[in-house]
C-alpha cells in the first residue's frame, strides 16, 4: 500500500504544472504573469492577448566631449595641495565682492527692462 501511495504521489508531482495560466497568454507588458483569473497582483483580472512585443533594436552611437578636456591624473598629496592653493589664489574676489557685483547687475537689468547692458 505504501508503494502505491508513493507511486501516486510521484505521478502527481511529475505532471506539468500550469499554475496561473487560466485565460492568459503568459507575461504581460506590465510585468504581471497572467490574466484571466490567475496571475500576479499586477495583471490578475484583465485577460486577453496584448499582441506581439517587438524585438529591441540596438545601435552604436559616438560621443565626444569638450575639446578643452584634459584627462585627470593622480599626483602626490603635497603636489595636489599646491595645485589647489594655486587655483584658490587665482580667484581674487571675495564673496562680498561677488554679491555686490550680482546686485549691481540685477539693478541694471531691472532699469533696462531685462535687456543686458555692457
PDB file of N, CA and C in Angstrom:
ATOM      1  N   UNK A   1       0.813  -1.179   0.000  1.00  0.00           N
ATOM      2  CA  UNK A   1       0.000   0.000   0.000  1.00  0.00           C
ATOM      3  C   UNK A   1       0.872   1.264   0.000  1.00  0.00           C
ATOM      4  N   UNK A   2       1.987   1.254   0.767  1.00  0.00           N
ATOM      5  CA  UNK A   2       2.884   2.403   0.792  1.00  0.00           C
ATOM      6  C   UNK A   2       3.491   2.634  -0.585  1.00  0.00           C
ATOM      7  N   UNK A   3       3.836   1.568  -1.274  1.00  0.00           N
ATOM      8  CA  UNK A   3       4.441   1.692  -2.595  1.00  0.00           C
ATOM      9  C   UNK A   3       3.460   2.342  -3.565  1.00  0.00           C
ATOM     10  N   UNK A   4       2.191   1.940  -3.500  1.00  0.00           N
ATOM     11  CA  UNK A   4       1.178   2.518  -4.362  1.00  0.00           C
ATOM     12  C   UNK A   4       1.006   4.022  -4.055  1.00  0.00           C
ATOM     13  N   UNK A   5       1.036   4.385  -2.793  1.00  0.00           N
ATOM     14  CA  UNK A   5       0.908   5.785  -2.390  1.00  0.00           C
ATOM     15  C   UNK A   5       2.081   6.617  -2.894  1.00  0.00           C
ATOM     16  N   UNK A   6       3.295   6.069  -2.762  1.00  0.00           N
ATOM     17  CA  UNK A   6       4.464   6.783  -3.267  1.00  0.00           C
ATOM     18  C   UNK A   6       4.424   6.910  -4.789  1.00  0.00           C
ATOM     19  N   UNK A   7       3.964   5.859  -5.478  1.00  0.00           N
ATOM     20  CA  UNK A   7       3.861   5.906  -6.939  1.00  0.00           C
ATOM     21  C   UNK A   7       2.835   6.955  -7.355  1.00  0.00           C
ATOM     22  N   UNK A   8       1.713   7.019  -6.669  1.00  0.00           N
ATOM     23  CA  UNK A   8       0.681   8.002  -6.968  1.00  0.00           C
ATOM     24  C   UNK A   8       1.193   9.430  -6.698  1.00  0.00           C
ATOM     25  N   UNK A   9       1.900   9.597  -5.601  1.00  0.00           N
ATOM     26  CA  UNK A   9       2.484  10.888  -5.269  1.00  0.00           C
ATOM     27  C   UNK A   9       3.524  11.307  -6.306  1.00  0.00           C
ATOM     28  N   UNK A  10       4.336  10.359  -6.746  1.00  0.00           N
ATOM     29  CA  UNK A  10       5.344  10.632  -7.770  1.00  0.00           C
ATOM     30  C   UNK A  10       4.680  11.052  -9.072  1.00  0.00           C
ATOM     31  N   UNK A  11       3.628  10.363  -9.488  1.00  0.00           N
ATOM     32  CA  UNK A  11       2.920  10.709 -10.717  1.00  0.00           C
ATOM     33  C   UNK A  11       2.261  12.092 -10.610  1.00  0.00           C
ATOM     34  N   UNK A  12       1.751  12.415  -9.430  1.00  0.00           N
ATOM     35  CA  UNK A  12       1.108  13.708  -9.225  1.00  0.00           C
ATOM     36  C   UNK A  12       2.120  14.851  -9.425  1.00  0.00           C
ATOM     37  N   UNK A  13       3.317  14.687  -8.857  1.00  0.00           N
ATOM     38  CA  UNK A  13       4.330  15.730  -8.991  1.00  0.00           C
ATOM     39  C   UNK A  13       5.032  15.700 -10.347  1.00  0.00           C
ATOM     40  N   UNK A  14       4.920  14.623 -11.090  1.00  0.00           N
ATOM     41  CA  UNK A  14       5.535  14.525 -12.406  1.00  0.00           C
ATOM     42  C   UNK A  14       4.695  15.213 -13.471  1.00  0.00           C
ATOM     43  N   UNK A  15       3.424  15.481 -13.197  1.00  0.00           N
ATOM     44  CA  UNK A  15       2.572  16.168 -14.163  1.00  0.00           C
ATOM     45  C   UNK A  15       3.030  17.622 -14.312  1.00  0.00           C
ATOM     46  N   UNK A  16       2.940  18.171 -15.527  1.00  0.00           N
ATOM     47  CA  UNK A  16       3.347  19.565 -15.703  1.00  0.00           C
ATOM     48  C   UNK A  16       2.407  20.498 -14.951  1.00  0.00           C
ATOM     49  N   UNK A  17       2.975  21.474 -14.307  1.00  0.00           N
ATOM     50  CA  UNK A  17       2.193  22.428 -13.538  1.00  0.00           C
ATOM     51  C   UNK A  17       1.901  23.642 -14.409  1.00  0.00           C
ATOM     52  N   UNK A  18       0.631  23.939 -14.614  1.00  0.00           N
ATOM     53  CA  UNK A  18       0.223  25.092 -15.416  1.00  0.00           C
ATOM     54  C   UNK A  18      -0.412  26.126 -14.492  1.00  0.00           C
ATOM     55  N   UNK A  19       0.279  26.489 -13.468  1.00  0.00           N
ATOM     56  CA  UNK A  19      -0.253  27.416 -12.477  1.00  0.00           C
ATOM     57  C   UNK A  19      -0.375  28.809 -13.067  1.00  0.00           C
ATOM     58  N   UNK A  20      -1.382  29.538 -12.671  1.00  0.00           N
ATOM     59  CA  UNK A  20      -1.612  30.923 -13.033  1.00  0.00           C
ATOM     60  C   UNK A  20      -1.696  31.127 -14.536  1.00  0.00           C
ATOM     61  N   UNK A  21      -2.333  30.217 -15.248  1.00  0.00           N
ATOM     62  CA  UNK A  21      -2.450  30.355 -16.683  1.00  0.00           C
ATOM     63  C   UNK A  21      -3.895  30.391 -17.140  1.00  0.00           C
ATOM     64  N   UNK A  22      -4.845  30.519 -16.263  1.00  0.00           N
ATOM     65  CA  UNK A  22      -6.239  30.488 -16.642  1.00  0.00           C
ATOM     66  C   UNK A  22      -6.584  31.691 -17.500  1.00  0.00           C
ATOM     67  N   UNK A  23      -6.950  31.475 -18.760  1.00  0.00           N
ATOM     68  CA  UNK A  23      -7.387  32.541 -19.643  1.00  0.00           C
ATOM     69  C   UNK A  23      -6.325  33.542 -20.006  1.00  0.00           C
ATOM     70  N   UNK A  24      -5.068  33.145 -20.050  1.00  0.00           N
ATOM     71  CA  UNK A  24      -3.995  34.099 -20.259  1.00  0.00           C
ATOM     72  C   UNK A  24      -3.009  33.570 -21.260  1.00  0.00           C
ATOM     73  N   UNK A  25      -2.150  34.477 -21.726  1.00  0.00           N
ATOM     74  CA  UNK A  25      -1.095  34.060 -22.638  1.00  0.00           C
ATOM     75  C   UNK A  25       0.276  34.181 -22.006  1.00  0.00           C
ATOM     76  N   UNK A  26       0.383  34.387 -20.692  1.00  0.00           N
ATOM     77  CA  UNK A  26       1.684  34.447 -20.037  1.00  0.00           C
ATOM     78  C   UNK A  26       1.977  35.808 -19.481  1.00  0.00           C
ATOM     79  N   UNK A  27       3.196  36.270 -19.706  1.00  0.00           N
ATOM     80  CA  UNK A  27       3.671  37.509 -19.100  1.00  0.00           C
ATOM     81  C   UNK A  27       3.085  38.704 -19.845  1.00  0.00           C
ATOM     82  N   UNK A  28       2.603  39.693 -19.117  1.00  0.00           N
ATOM     83  CA  UNK A  28       2.048  40.908 -19.715  1.00  0.00           C
ATOM     84  C   UNK A  28       3.113  41.993 -19.728  1.00  0.00           C
ATOM     85  N   UNK A  29       2.952  43.026 -20.555  1.00  0.00           N
ATOM     86  CA  UNK A  29       3.955  44.087 -20.614  1.00  0.00           C
ATOM     87  C   UNK A  29       4.137  44.828 -19.292  1.00  0.00           C
ATOM     88  N   UNK A  30       3.154  44.800 -18.406  1.00  0.00           N
ATOM     89  CA  UNK A  30       3.304  45.493 -17.128  1.00  0.00           C
ATOM     90  C   UNK A  30       4.116  44.686 -16.143  1.00  0.00           C
ATOM     91  N   UNK A  31       4.540  43.509 -16.514  1.00  0.00           N
ATOM     92  CA  UNK A  31       5.364  42.709 -15.627  1.00  0.00           C
ATOM     93  C   UNK A  31       4.579  41.640 -14.905  1.00  0.00           C
ATOM     94  N   UNK A  32       3.284  41.647 -14.981  1.00  0.00           N
ATOM     95  CA  UNK A  32       2.476  40.632 -14.312  1.00  0.00           C
ATOM     96  C   UNK A  32       2.530  39.340 -15.073  1.00  0.00           C
ATOM     97  N   UNK A  33       2.315  38.255 -14.417  1.00  0.00           N
ATOM     98  CA  UNK A  33       2.338  36.961 -15.074  1.00  0.00           C
ATOM     99  C   UNK A  33       0.944  36.407 -15.162  1.00  0.00           C
ATOM    100  N   UNK A  34       0.257  36.681 -16.230  1.00  0.00           N
ATOM    101  CA  UNK A  34      -1.042  36.058 -16.411  1.00  0.00           C
ATOM    102  C   UNK A  34      -2.159  37.057 -16.436  1.00  0.00           C
ATOM    103  N   UNK A  35      -3.336  36.524 -16.633  1.00  0.00           N
ATOM    104  CA  UNK A  35      -4.536  37.335 -16.696  1.00  0.00           C
ATOM    105  C   UNK A  35      -5.693  36.443 -16.350  1.00  0.00           C
ATOM    106  N   UNK A  36      -6.853  36.688 -16.920  1.00  0.00           N
ATOM    107  CA  UNK A  36      -7.994  35.841 -16.625  1.00  0.00           C
ATOM    108  C   UNK A  36      -8.296  35.872 -15.148  1.00  0.00           C
ATOM    109  N   UNK A  37      -8.239  34.725 -14.516  1.00  0.00           N
ATOM    110  CA  UNK A  37      -8.497  34.650 -13.084  1.00  0.00           C
ATOM    111  C   UNK A  37      -7.222  34.491 -12.278  1.00  0.00           C
ATOM    112  N   UNK A  38      -6.127  34.063 -12.913  1.00  0.00           N
ATOM    113  CA  UNK A  38      -4.880  33.845 -12.186  1.00  0.00           C
ATOM    114  C   UNK A  38      -3.935  34.997 -12.402  1.00  0.00           C
ATOM    115  N   UNK A  39      -2.665  34.754 -12.140  1.00  0.00           N
ATOM    116  CA  UNK A  39      -1.660  35.767 -12.387  1.00  0.00           C
ATOM    117  C   UNK A  39      -1.186  36.422 -11.119  1.00  0.00           C
ATOM    118  N   UNK A  40      -0.342  37.395 -11.315  1.00  0.00           N
ATOM    119  CA  UNK A  40       0.209  38.098 -10.167  1.00  0.00           C
ATOM    120  C   UNK A  40      -0.738  39.192  -9.734  1.00  0.00           C
ATOM    121  N   UNK A  41      -0.331  39.976  -8.757  1.00  0.00           N
ATOM    122  CA  UNK A  41      -1.174  41.061  -8.268  1.00  0.00           C
ATOM    123  C   UNK A  41      -1.345  42.155  -9.318  1.00  0.00           C
ATOM    124  N   UNK A  42      -0.375  42.309 -10.244  1.00  0.00           N
ATOM    125  CA  UNK A  42      -0.453  43.373 -11.221  1.00  0.00           C
ATOM    126  C   UNK A  42      -1.449  43.074 -12.329  1.00  0.00           C
ATOM    127  N   UNK A  43      -1.449  41.859 -12.839  1.00  0.00           N
ATOM    128  CA  UNK A  43      -2.268  41.586 -14.014  1.00  0.00           C
ATOM    129  C   UNK A  43      -3.206  40.437 -13.818  1.00  0.00           C
ATOM    130  N   UNK A  44      -3.848  40.330 -12.702  1.00  0.00           N
ATOM    131  CA  UNK A  44      -4.624  39.150 -12.399  1.00  0.00           C
ATOM    132  C   UNK A  44      -6.038  39.137 -12.885  1.00  0.00           C
ATOM    133  N   UNK A  45      -6.617  40.233 -13.369  1.00  0.00           N
ATOM    134  CA  UNK A  45      -8.025  40.207 -13.695  1.00  0.00           C
ATOM    135  C   UNK A  45      -8.292  40.592 -15.142  1.00  0.00           C
ATOM    136  N   UNK A  46      -7.283  41.035 -15.876  1.00  0.00           N
ATOM    137  CA  UNK A  46      -7.526  41.598 -17.200  1.00  0.00           C
ATOM    138  C   UNK A  46      -7.887  40.556 -18.245  1.00  0.00           C
ATOM    139  N   UNK A  47      -7.007  39.627 -18.519  1.00  0.00           N
ATOM    140  CA  UNK A  47      -7.276  38.609 -19.522  1.00  0.00           C
ATOM    141  C   UNK A  47      -7.054  39.135 -20.922  1.00  0.00           C
ATOM    142  N   UNK A  48      -7.097  38.243 -21.897  1.00  0.00           N
ATOM    143  CA  UNK A  48      -6.957  38.637 -23.287  1.00  0.00           C
ATOM    144  C   UNK A  48      -5.516  38.685 -23.728  1.00  0.00           C
ATOM    145  N   UNK A  49      -5.322  38.949 -25.025  1.00  0.00           N
ATOM    146  CA  UNK A  49      -3.991  38.984 -25.606  1.00  0.00           C
ATOM    147  C   UNK A  49      -3.530  40.424 -25.770  1.00  0.00           C
ATOM    148  N   UNK A  50      -2.277  40.680 -25.487  1.00  0.00           N
ATOM    149  CA  UNK A  50      -1.734  42.026 -25.623  1.00  0.00           C
ATOM    150  C   UNK A  50      -1.020  42.215 -26.947  1.00  0.00           C
ATOM    151  N   UNK A  51      -0.912  41.203 -27.734  1.00  0.00           N
ATOM    152  CA  UNK A  51      -0.233  41.323 -29.016  1.00  0.00           C
ATOM    153  C   UNK A  51       1.241  40.990 -28.882  1.00  0.00           C
ATOM    154  N   UNK A  52       1.934  41.094 -29.991  1.00  0.00           N
ATOM    155  CA  UNK A  52       3.349  40.749 -30.029  1.00  0.00           C
ATOM    156  C   UNK A  52       4.188  41.953 -29.619  1.00  0.00           C
ATOM    157  N   UNK A  53       5.171  41.736 -28.775  1.00  0.00           N
ATOM    158  CA  UNK A  53       6.090  42.783 -28.352  1.00  0.00           C
ATOM    159  C   UNK A  53       7.300  42.734 -29.271  1.00  0.00           C
ATOM    160  N   UNK A  54       7.649  43.865 -29.861  1.00  0.00           N
ATOM    161  CA  UNK A  54       8.731  43.893 -30.840  1.00  0.00           C
ATOM    162  C   UNK A  54      10.085  43.635 -30.184  1.00  0.00           C
ATOM    163  N   UNK A  55      11.004  43.182 -30.988  1.00  0.00           N
ATOM    164  CA  UNK A  55      12.358  42.884 -30.542  1.00  0.00           C
ATOM    165  C   UNK A  55      13.119  44.196 -30.384  1.00  0.00           C
ATOM    166  N   UNK A  56      13.913  44.313 -29.355  1.00  0.00           N
ATOM    167  CA  UNK A  56      14.677  45.528 -29.104  1.00  0.00           C
ATOM    168  C   UNK A  56      15.787  45.672 -30.134  1.00  0.00           C
ATOM    169  N   UNK A  57      15.935  46.880 -30.663  1.00  0.00           N
ATOM    170  CA  UNK A  57      16.979  47.178 -31.631  1.00  0.00           C
ATOM    171  C   UNK A  57      18.070  47.984 -30.934  1.00  0.00           C
ATOM    172  N   UNK A  58      19.315  47.589 -31.090  1.00  0.00           N
ATOM    173  CA  UNK A  58      20.442  48.304 -30.517  1.00  0.00           C
ATOM    174  C   UNK A  58      21.246  48.958 -31.627  1.00  0.00           C
ATOM    175  N   UNK A  59      21.787  50.132 -31.353  1.00  0.00           N
ATOM    176  CA  UNK A  59      22.621  50.794 -32.341  1.00  0.00           C
ATOM    177  C   UNK A  59      23.844  51.374 -31.638  1.00  0.00           C
ATOM    178  N   UNK A  60      24.876  51.632 -32.412  1.00  0.00           N
ATOM    179  CA  UNK A  60      26.113  52.177 -31.882  1.00  0.00           C
ATOM    180  C   UNK A  60      26.116  53.682 -32.139  1.00  0.00           C
ATOM    181  N   UNK A  61      26.424  54.457 -31.113  1.00  0.00           N
ATOM    182  CA  UNK A  61      26.497  55.903 -31.261  1.00  0.00           C
ATOM    183  C   UNK A  61      27.879  56.374 -30.838  1.00  0.00           C
ATOM    184  N   UNK A  62      28.242  57.523 -31.341  1.00  0.00           N
ATOM    185  CA  UNK A  62      29.533  58.102 -30.995  1.00  0.00           C
ATOM    186  C   UNK A  62      29.296  59.289 -30.079  1.00  0.00           C
ATOM    187  N   UNK A  63      30.126  59.432 -29.082  1.00  0.00           N
ATOM    188  CA  UNK A  63      30.003  60.553 -28.150  1.00  0.00           C
ATOM    189  C   UNK A  63      31.345  61.259 -28.058  1.00  0.00           C
ATOM    190  N   UNK A  64      31.282  62.563 -27.897  1.00  0.00           N
ATOM    191  CA  UNK A  64      32.510  63.337 -27.728  1.00  0.00           C
ATOM    192  C   UNK A  64      32.238  64.434 -26.722  1.00  0.00           C
ATOM    193  N   UNK A  65      33.266  64.897 -26.112  1.00  0.00           N
ATOM    194  CA  UNK A  65      33.113  65.896 -25.068  1.00  0.00           C
ATOM    195  C   UNK A  65      33.741  67.218 -25.456  1.00  0.00           C
ATOM    196  N   UNK A  66      34.030  67.990 -24.461  1.00  0.00           N
ATOM    197  CA  UNK A  66      34.627  69.299 -24.629  1.00  0.00           C
ATOM    198  C   UNK A  66      36.037  69.142 -25.205  1.00  0.00           C
ATOM    199  N   UNK A  67      36.379  69.897 -26.253  1.00  0.00           N
ATOM    200  CA  UNK A  67      37.734  69.757 -26.826  1.00  0.00           C
ATOM    201  C   UNK A  67      38.829  70.226 -25.868  1.00  0.00           C
ATOM    202  N   UNK A  68      38.467  71.029 -24.859  1.00  0.00           N
ATOM    203  CA  UNK A  68      39.458  71.502 -23.898  1.00  0.00           C
ATOM    204  C   UNK A  68      39.653  70.528 -22.740  1.00  0.00           C
ATOM    205  N   UNK A  69      39.012  69.370 -22.807  1.00  0.00           N
ATOM    206  CA  UNK A  69      39.088  68.400 -21.722  1.00  0.00           C
ATOM    207  C   UNK A  69      40.510  67.890 -21.556  1.00  0.00           C
ATOM    208  N   UNK A  70      40.971  67.869 -20.327  1.00  0.00           N
ATOM    209  CA  UNK A  70      42.279  67.311 -20.001  1.00  0.00           C
ATOM    210  C   UNK A  70      42.031  66.167 -19.036  1.00  0.00           C
ATOM    211  N   UNK A  71      42.476  64.995 -19.408  1.00  0.00           N
ATOM    212  CA  UNK A  71      42.238  63.827 -18.566  1.00  0.00           C
ATOM    213  C   UNK A  71      42.947  64.014 -17.225  1.00  0.00           C
ATOM    214  N   UNK A  72      42.227  63.712 -16.171  1.00  0.00           N
ATOM    215  CA  UNK A  72      42.818  63.874 -14.844  1.00  0.00           C
ATOM    216  C   UNK A  72      43.849  62.788 -14.585  1.00  0.00           C
ATOM    217  N   UNK A  73      44.740  63.092 -13.677  1.00  0.00           N
ATOM    218  CA  UNK A  73      45.773  62.119 -13.336  1.00  0.00           C
ATOM    219  C   UNK A  73      45.985  62.136 -11.828  1.00  0.00           C
ATOM    220  N   UNK A  74      46.599  61.099 -11.339  1.00  0.00           N
ATOM    221  CA  UNK A  74      46.910  61.019  -9.919  1.00  0.00           C
ATOM    222  C   UNK A  74      48.227  61.711  -9.656  1.00  0.00           C
ATOM    223  N   UNK A  75      48.296  62.396  -8.532  1.00  0.00           N
ATOM    224  CA  UNK A  75      49.542  63.063  -8.159  1.00  0.00           C
ATOM    225  C   UNK A  75      49.738  62.923  -6.659  1.00  0.00           C
ATOM    226  N   UNK A  76      50.943  63.101  -6.199  1.00  0.00           N
ATOM    227  CA  UNK A  76      51.187  63.019  -4.754  1.00  0.00           C
ATOM    228  C   UNK A  76      50.370  64.075  -4.003  1.00  0.00           C
ATOM    229  N   UNK A  77      50.089  63.806  -2.738  1.00  0.00           N
ATOM    230  CA  UNK A  77      49.234  64.664  -1.925  1.00  0.00           C
ATOM    231  C   UNK A  77      49.765  66.088  -1.847  1.00  0.00           C
ATOM    232  N   UNK A  78      51.040  66.233  -1.574  1.00  0.00           N
ATOM    233  CA  UNK A  78      51.622  67.576  -1.438  1.00  0.00           C
ATOM    234  C   UNK A  78      51.502  68.364  -2.736  1.00  0.00           C
ATOM    235  N   UNK A  79      51.724  67.707  -3.855  1.00  0.00           N
ATOM    236  CA  UNK A  79      51.595  68.385  -5.147  1.00  0.00           C
ATOM    237  C   UNK A  79      50.137  68.777  -5.396  1.00  0.00           C
ATOM    238  N   UNK A  80      49.192  67.923  -5.021  1.00  0.00           N
ATOM    239  CA  UNK A  80      47.773  68.235  -5.197  1.00  0.00           C
ATOM    240  C   UNK A  80      47.364  69.427  -4.341  1.00  0.00           C
ATOM    241  N   UNK A  81      47.894  69.514  -3.112  1.00  0.00           N
ATOM    242  CA  UNK A  81      47.593  70.654  -2.249  1.00  0.00           C
ATOM    243  C   UNK A  81      48.134  71.938  -2.868  1.00  0.00           C
ATOM    244  N   UNK A  82      49.334  71.895  -3.435  1.00  0.00           N
ATOM    245  CA  UNK A  82      49.913  73.073  -4.081  1.00  0.00           C
ATOM    246  C   UNK A  82      49.069  73.511  -5.278  1.00  0.00           C
ATOM    247  N   UNK A  83      48.605  72.560  -6.069  1.00  0.00           N
ATOM    248  CA  UNK A  83      47.764  72.885  -7.226  1.00  0.00           C
ATOM    249  C   UNK A  83      46.451  73.513  -6.754  1.00  0.00           C
ATOM    250  N   UNK A  84      45.873  72.984  -5.673  1.00  0.00           N
ATOM    251  CA  UNK A  84      44.641  73.543  -5.125  1.00  0.00           C
ATOM    252  C   UNK A  84      44.822  74.949  -4.600  1.00  0.00           C
ATOM    253  N   UNK A  85      45.916  75.183  -3.914  1.00  0.00           N
ATOM    254  CA  UNK A  85      46.189  76.541  -3.401  1.00  0.00           C
ATOM    255  C   UNK A  85      46.402  77.527  -4.542  1.00  0.00           C
ATOM    256  N   UNK A  86      47.067  77.085  -5.591  1.00  0.00           N
ATOM    257  CA  UNK A  86      47.273  77.963  -6.750  1.00  0.00           C
ATOM    258  C   UNK A  86      45.936  78.299  -7.409  1.00  0.00           C
ATOM    259  N   UNK A  87      45.036  77.343  -7.480  1.00  0.00           N
ATOM    260  CA  UNK A  87      43.712  77.592  -8.062  1.00  0.00           C
ATOM    261  C   UNK A  87      42.921  78.563  -7.199  1.00  0.00           C
ATOM    262  N   UNK A  88      43.039  78.452  -5.881  1.00  0.00           N
ATOM    263  CA  UNK A  88      42.339  79.372  -4.980  1.00  0.00           C
ATOM    264  C   UNK A  88      42.911  80.780  -5.065  1.00  0.00           C
ATOM    265  N   UNK A  89      44.222  80.876  -5.280  1.00  0.00           N
ATOM    266  CA  UNK A  89      44.858  82.189  -5.356  1.00  0.00           C
ATOM    267  C   UNK A  89      44.428  82.939  -6.613  1.00  0.00           C
ATOM    268  N   UNK A  90      44.057  82.235  -7.670  1.00  0.00           N
ATOM    269  CA  UNK A  90      43.614  82.880  -8.908  1.00  0.00           C
ATOM    270  C   UNK A  90      42.301  83.612  -8.701  1.00  0.00           C
ATOM    271  N   UNK A  91      41.438  83.128  -7.825  1.00  0.00           N
ATOM    272  CA  UNK A  91      40.158  83.768  -7.553  1.00  0.00           C
ATOM    273  C   UNK A  91      40.387  84.891  -6.545  1.00  0.00           C
ATOM    274  N   UNK A  92      40.525  86.119  -7.058  1.00  0.00           N
ATOM    275  CA  UNK A  92      40.882  87.229  -6.189  1.00  0.00           C
ATOM    276  C   UNK A  92      39.668  87.917  -5.568  1.00  0.00           C
ATOM    277  N   UNK A  93      38.443  87.607  -6.030  1.00  0.00           N
ATOM    278  CA  UNK A  93      37.254  88.259  -5.497  1.00  0.00           C
ATOM    279  C   UNK A  93      36.784  87.544  -4.229  1.00  0.00           C
ATOM    280  N   UNK A  94      36.361  88.353  -3.279  1.00  0.00           N
ATOM    281  CA  UNK A  94      35.784  87.776  -2.072  1.00  0.00           C
ATOM    282  C   UNK A  94      34.296  87.523  -2.321  1.00  0.00           C
ATOM    283  N   UNK A  95      33.659  86.836  -1.397  1.00  0.00           N
ATOM    284  CA  UNK A  95      32.243  86.549  -1.522  1.00  0.00           C
ATOM    285  C   UNK A  95      31.425  87.835  -1.515  1.00  0.00           C
ATOM    286  N   UNK A  96      31.830  88.787  -0.717  1.00  0.00           N
ATOM    287  CA  UNK A  96      31.141  90.076  -0.678  1.00  0.00           C
ATOM    288  C   UNK A  96      31.225  90.814  -2.002  1.00  0.00           C
ATOM    289  N   UNK A  97      32.410  90.768  -2.642  1.00  0.00           N
ATOM    290  CA  UNK A  97      32.574  91.418  -3.945  1.00  0.00           C
ATOM    291  C   UNK A  97      31.673  90.773  -4.999  1.00  0.00           C
ATOM    292  N   UNK A  98      31.590  89.461  -4.967  1.00  0.00           N
ATOM    293  CA  UNK A  98      30.736  88.745  -5.923  1.00  0.00           C
ATOM    294  C   UNK A  98      29.279  89.110  -5.695  1.00  0.00           C
ATOM    295  N   UNK A  99      28.829  89.172  -4.437  1.00  0.00           N
ATOM    296  CA  UNK A  99      27.438  89.525  -4.116  1.00  0.00           C
ATOM    297  C   UNK A  99      27.138  90.965  -4.550  1.00  0.00           C
ATOM    298  N   UNK A 100      28.077  91.870  -4.333  1.00  0.00           N
ATOM    299  CA  UNK A 100      27.882  93.268  -4.728  1.00  0.00           C
ATOM    300  C   UNK A 100      27.750  93.377  -6.246  1.00  0.00           C
ATOM    301  N   UNK A 101      28.598  92.682  -6.981  1.00  0.00           N
ATOM    302  CA  UNK A 101      28.533  92.708  -8.446  1.00  0.00           C
ATOM    303  C   UNK A 101      27.211  92.119  -8.939  1.00  0.00           C
ATOM    304  N   UNK A 102      26.735  91.077  -8.281  1.00  0.00           N
ATOM    305  CA  UNK A 102      25.459  90.463  -8.650  1.00  0.00           C
ATOM    306  C   UNK A 102      24.308  91.449  -8.448  1.00  0.00           C
ATOM    307  N   UNK A 103      24.297  92.142  -7.302  1.00  0.00           N
ATOM    308  CA  UNK A 103      23.229  93.111  -7.025  1.00  0.00           C
ATOM    309  C   UNK A 103      23.262  94.262  -8.033  1.00  0.00           C
ATOM    310  N   UNK A 104      24.450  94.737  -8.372  1.00  0.00           N
ATOM    311  CA  UNK A 104      24.568  95.831  -9.341  1.00  0.00           C
ATOM    312  C   UNK A 104      24.067  95.392 -10.724  1.00  0.00           C
ATOM    313  N   UNK A 105      24.415  94.192 -11.127  1.00  0.00           N
ATOM    314  CA  UNK A 105      23.966  93.667 -12.414  1.00  0.00           C
ATOM    315  C   UNK A 105      22.452  93.496 -12.426  1.00  0.00           C
ATOM    316  N   UNK A 106      21.895  93.031 -11.324  1.00  0.00           N
ATOM    317  CA  UNK A 106      20.452  92.843 -11.215  1.00  0.00           C
ATOM    318  C   UNK A 106      19.731  94.186 -11.298  1.00  0.00           C
ATOM    319  N   UNK A 107      20.277  95.220 -10.642  1.00  0.00           N
ATOM    320  CA  UNK A 107      19.682  96.557 -10.688  1.00  0.00           C
ATOM    321  C   UNK A 107      19.746  97.124 -12.106  1.00  0.00           C
ATOM    322  N   UNK A 108      20.875  96.910 -12.802  1.00  0.00           N
ATOM    323  CA  UNK A 108      20.998  97.378 -14.185  1.00  0.00           C
ATOM    324  C   UNK A 108      19.978  96.703 -15.097  1.00  0.00           C
ATOM    325  N   UNK A 109      19.742  95.400 -14.901  1.00  0.00           N
ATOM    326  CA  UNK A 109      18.781  94.684 -15.725  1.00  0.00           C
ATOM    327  C   UNK A 109      17.363  95.191 -15.479  1.00  0.00           C
ATOM    328  N   UNK A 110      17.030  95.480 -14.236  1.00  0.00           N
ATOM    329  CA  UNK A 110      15.698  95.979 -13.932  1.00  0.00           C
ATOM    330  C   UNK A 110      15.480  97.368 -14.531  1.00  0.00           C
ATOM    331  N   UNK A 111      16.506  98.211 -14.512  1.00  0.00           N
ATOM    332  CA  UNK A 111      16.394  99.554 -15.090  1.00  0.00           C
ATOM    333  C   UNK A 111      16.226  99.508 -16.605  1.00  0.00           C
ATOM    334  N   UNK A 112      16.876  98.555 -17.264  1.00  0.00           N
ATOM    335  CA  UNK A 112      16.827  98.481 -18.718  1.00  0.00           C
ATOM    336  C   UNK A 112      15.703  97.572 -19.225  1.00  0.00           C
ATOM    337  N   UNK A 113      14.856  97.077 -18.342  1.00  0.00           N
ATOM    338  CA  UNK A 113      13.740  96.227 -18.763  1.00  0.00           C
ATOM    339  C   UNK A 113      14.149  94.813 -19.108  1.00  0.00           C
ATOM    340  N   UNK A 114      15.186  94.322 -18.521  1.00  0.00           N
ATOM    341  CA  UNK A 114      15.617  92.942 -18.724  1.00  0.00           C
ATOM    342  C   UNK A 114      16.626  92.779 -19.828  1.00  0.00           C
ATOM    343  N   UNK A 115      16.961  93.856 -20.536  1.00  0.00           N
ATOM    344  CA  UNK A 115      17.956  93.771 -21.612  1.00  0.00           C
ATOM    345  C   UNK A 115      19.327  94.014 -20.998  1.00  0.00           C
ATOM    346  N   UNK A 116      20.253  93.055 -21.113  1.00  0.00           N
ATOM    347  CA  UNK A 116      21.571  93.237 -20.509  1.00  0.00           C
ATOM    348  C   UNK A 116      22.341  94.376 -21.157  1.00  0.00           C
ATOM    349  N   UNK A 117      22.980  95.183 -20.344  1.00  0.00           N
ATOM    350  CA  UNK A 117      23.777  96.321 -20.812  1.00  0.00           C
ATOM    351  C   UNK A 117      25.256  95.986 -20.642  1.00  0.00           C
ATOM    352  N   UNK A 118      26.090  96.453 -21.567  1.00  0.00           N
ATOM    353  CA  UNK A 118      27.546  96.179 -21.456  1.00  0.00           C
ATOM    354  C   UNK A 118      28.196  97.002 -20.376  1.00  0.00           C
TER     355      UNK A 118
END
